[in-house]
Amino acid sequence: MISLTNASLKIYLALRPCDMRKSFQGLSELATEHLGQELVREALFAFVNKRCNRLKLLYFDGSGTWVAAKRLERGSFNWPKPPQPGDKKLKLAPEALQLLLDGIDLKDSRRRDWYQLE
């Protein structure tokens, strides 16, 4: 089961749109070859299409690979832009992914100085 409340979860967003026809093998190849990350336990990869109205999640739980998909009926995800030209991925905390999935724009949000991740 994928749990976004798991603090050890590593989340990687693909910053460039991908073909939503891809499934297990195609998304796994994108994660390893394009993003440069291995499929390891507790790693979740998020991919979006060009219009940012479809999302796929790729997750490896140690025994197999999960693919979850969401299609928005209206609107689009506020997908982050690359911080630096050429950046292909962005690492997020589970809480940030939840905000993104809930329609919150992460562009101008930031952590307060007093909040520290362990």
Protein backbone atom coordinates (compact mmCIF):
# COMPACT_ATOMS: atom_id res chain seq x y z
CA MET A 1 0.00 0.00 0.00
CA ILE A 2 1.23 3.49 -0.81
CA SER A 3 1.09 5.78 2.22
CA LEU A 4 1.94 9.47 1.91
CA THR A 5 2.22 9.65 5.71
CA ASN A 6 5.37 7.51 5.66
CA ALA A 7 8.26 9.83 6.61
CA SER A 8 10.86 7.52 4.99
CA LEU A 9 9.14 7.76 1.59
CA LYS A 10 11.37 9.31 -1.09
CA ILE A 11 9.36 11.18 -3.73
CA TYR A 12 10.75 12.24 -7.09
CA LEU A 13 8.78 14.41 -9.51
CA ALA A 14 9.64 14.24 -13.19
CA LEU A 15 9.66 17.90 -14.17
CA ARG A 16 9.18 17.27 -17.88
CA PRO A 17 5.90 15.88 -19.19
CA CYS A 18 5.76 12.25 -20.28
CA ASP A 19 3.60 10.04 -22.44
CA MET A 20 0.72 8.79 -20.28
CA ARG A 21 0.46 5.63 -22.40
CA LYS A 22 3.51 4.35 -20.52
CA SER A 23 2.92 1.83 -17.76
CA PHE A 24 5.16 -0.37 -15.59
CA GLN A 25 8.12 -0.89 -17.93
CA GLY A 26 8.03 2.51 -19.64
CA LEU A 27 7.76 4.46 -16.38
CA SER A 28 10.48 2.32 -14.78
CA GLU A 29 12.78 3.16 -17.70
CA LEU A 30 11.98 6.87 -17.32
CA ALA A 31 12.83 6.70 -13.61
CA THR A 32 16.16 4.96 -14.11
CA GLU A 33 17.39 6.40 -17.42
CA HIS A 34 15.85 9.88 -17.55
CA LEU A 35 15.77 10.74 -13.84
CA GLY A 36 18.86 8.72 -12.89
CA GLN A 37 17.18 7.03 -9.90
CA GLU A 38 17.00 3.33 -9.20
CA LEU A 39 13.73 1.69 -8.25
CA VAL A 40 14.32 1.05 -4.57
CA ARG A 41 12.00 0.30 -1.71
CA GLU A 42 10.12 3.37 -0.43
CA ALA A 43 10.74 5.40 -3.62
CA LEU A 44 7.81 6.96 -5.45
CA PHE A 45 8.01 8.65 -8.84
CA ALA A 46 5.39 11.11 -10.11
CA PHE A 47 4.86 11.81 -13.81
CA VAL A 48 2.48 14.24 -15.51
CA ASN A 49 1.35 14.79 -19.10
CA LYS A 50 1.86 17.96 -21.15
CA ARG A 51 -1.53 19.47 -20.20
CA CYS A 52 -0.92 18.62 -16.51
CA ASN A 53 -4.36 17.05 -16.16
CA ARG A 54 -3.16 13.44 -15.89
CA LEU A 55 -0.78 12.00 -13.34
CA LYS A 56 0.86 8.61 -12.86
CA LEU A 57 2.69 7.39 -9.79
CA LEU A 58 5.25 4.59 -9.88
CA TYR A 59 6.08 2.93 -6.56
CA PHE A 60 8.24 -0.07 -5.66
CA ASP A 61 7.29 -1.71 -2.35
CA GLY A 62 10.02 -4.35 -2.32
CA SER A 63 7.91 -7.19 -3.71
CA GLY A 64 6.57 -5.51 -6.85
CA THR A 65 5.81 -2.31 -8.67
CA TRP A 66 2.63 -0.25 -8.34
CA VAL A 67 1.25 2.15 -10.93
CA ALA A 68 -1.52 4.55 -9.91
CA ALA A 69 -3.17 7.05 -12.22
CA LYS A 70 -5.39 10.10 -11.85
CA ARG A 71 -7.21 12.10 -14.52
CA LEU A 72 -8.63 15.46 -13.51
CA GLU A 73 -12.11 16.15 -14.84
CA ARG A 74 -11.49 19.93 -14.68
CA GLY A 75 -8.39 22.06 -14.26
CA SER A 76 -4.78 20.96 -14.02
CA PHE A 77 -2.07 20.19 -11.51
CA ASN A 78 0.22 23.12 -10.64
CA TRP A 79 3.32 21.16 -11.63
CA PRO A 80 6.61 22.76 -10.52
CA LYS A 81 8.93 24.21 -13.12
CA PRO A 82 12.62 23.21 -13.10
CA PRO A 83 14.51 25.38 -10.56
CA GLN A 84 17.57 25.36 -12.84
CA PRO A 85 17.64 24.89 -16.63
CA GLY A 86 18.24 21.23 -17.38
CA ASP A 87 16.86 19.92 -14.06
CA LYS A 88 14.86 16.77 -14.72
CA LYS A 89 13.55 15.91 -11.27
CA LEU A 90 12.60 17.43 -7.97
CA LYS A 91 12.66 15.65 -4.63
CA LEU A 92 9.63 16.31 -2.45
CA ALA A 93 8.52 15.53 1.08
CA PRO A 94 5.37 13.39 1.30
CA GLU A 95 3.41 16.37 2.66
CA ALA A 96 4.37 18.47 -0.37
CA LEU A 97 3.15 15.79 -2.77
CA GLN A 98 -0.15 15.63 -0.88
CA LEU A 99 -0.54 19.41 -1.24
CA LEU A 100 0.25 19.19 -4.95
CA LEU A 101 -2.33 16.42 -5.42
CA ASP A 102 -4.88 18.50 -3.49
CA GLY A 103 -4.47 21.40 -5.92
CA ILE A 104 -2.20 23.65 -3.87
CA ASP A 105 0.31 25.75 -5.84
CA LEU A 106 3.78 25.08 -4.34
CA LYS A 107 5.44 27.91 -6.28
CA ASP A 108 5.65 30.50 -3.50
CA SER A 109 5.36 28.17 -0.54
CA ARG A 110 8.30 27.49 1.72
CA ARG A 111 9.11 25.87 5.05
CA ARG A 112 9.38 28.14 8.03
CA ASP A 113 12.88 28.50 9.52
CA TRP A 114 11.85 26.74 12.72
CA TYR A 115 10.73 23.61 10.88
CA GLN A 116 13.54 21.11 10.35
CA LEU A 117 13.34 17.72 8.66
CA GLU A 118 15.15 14.94 10.47
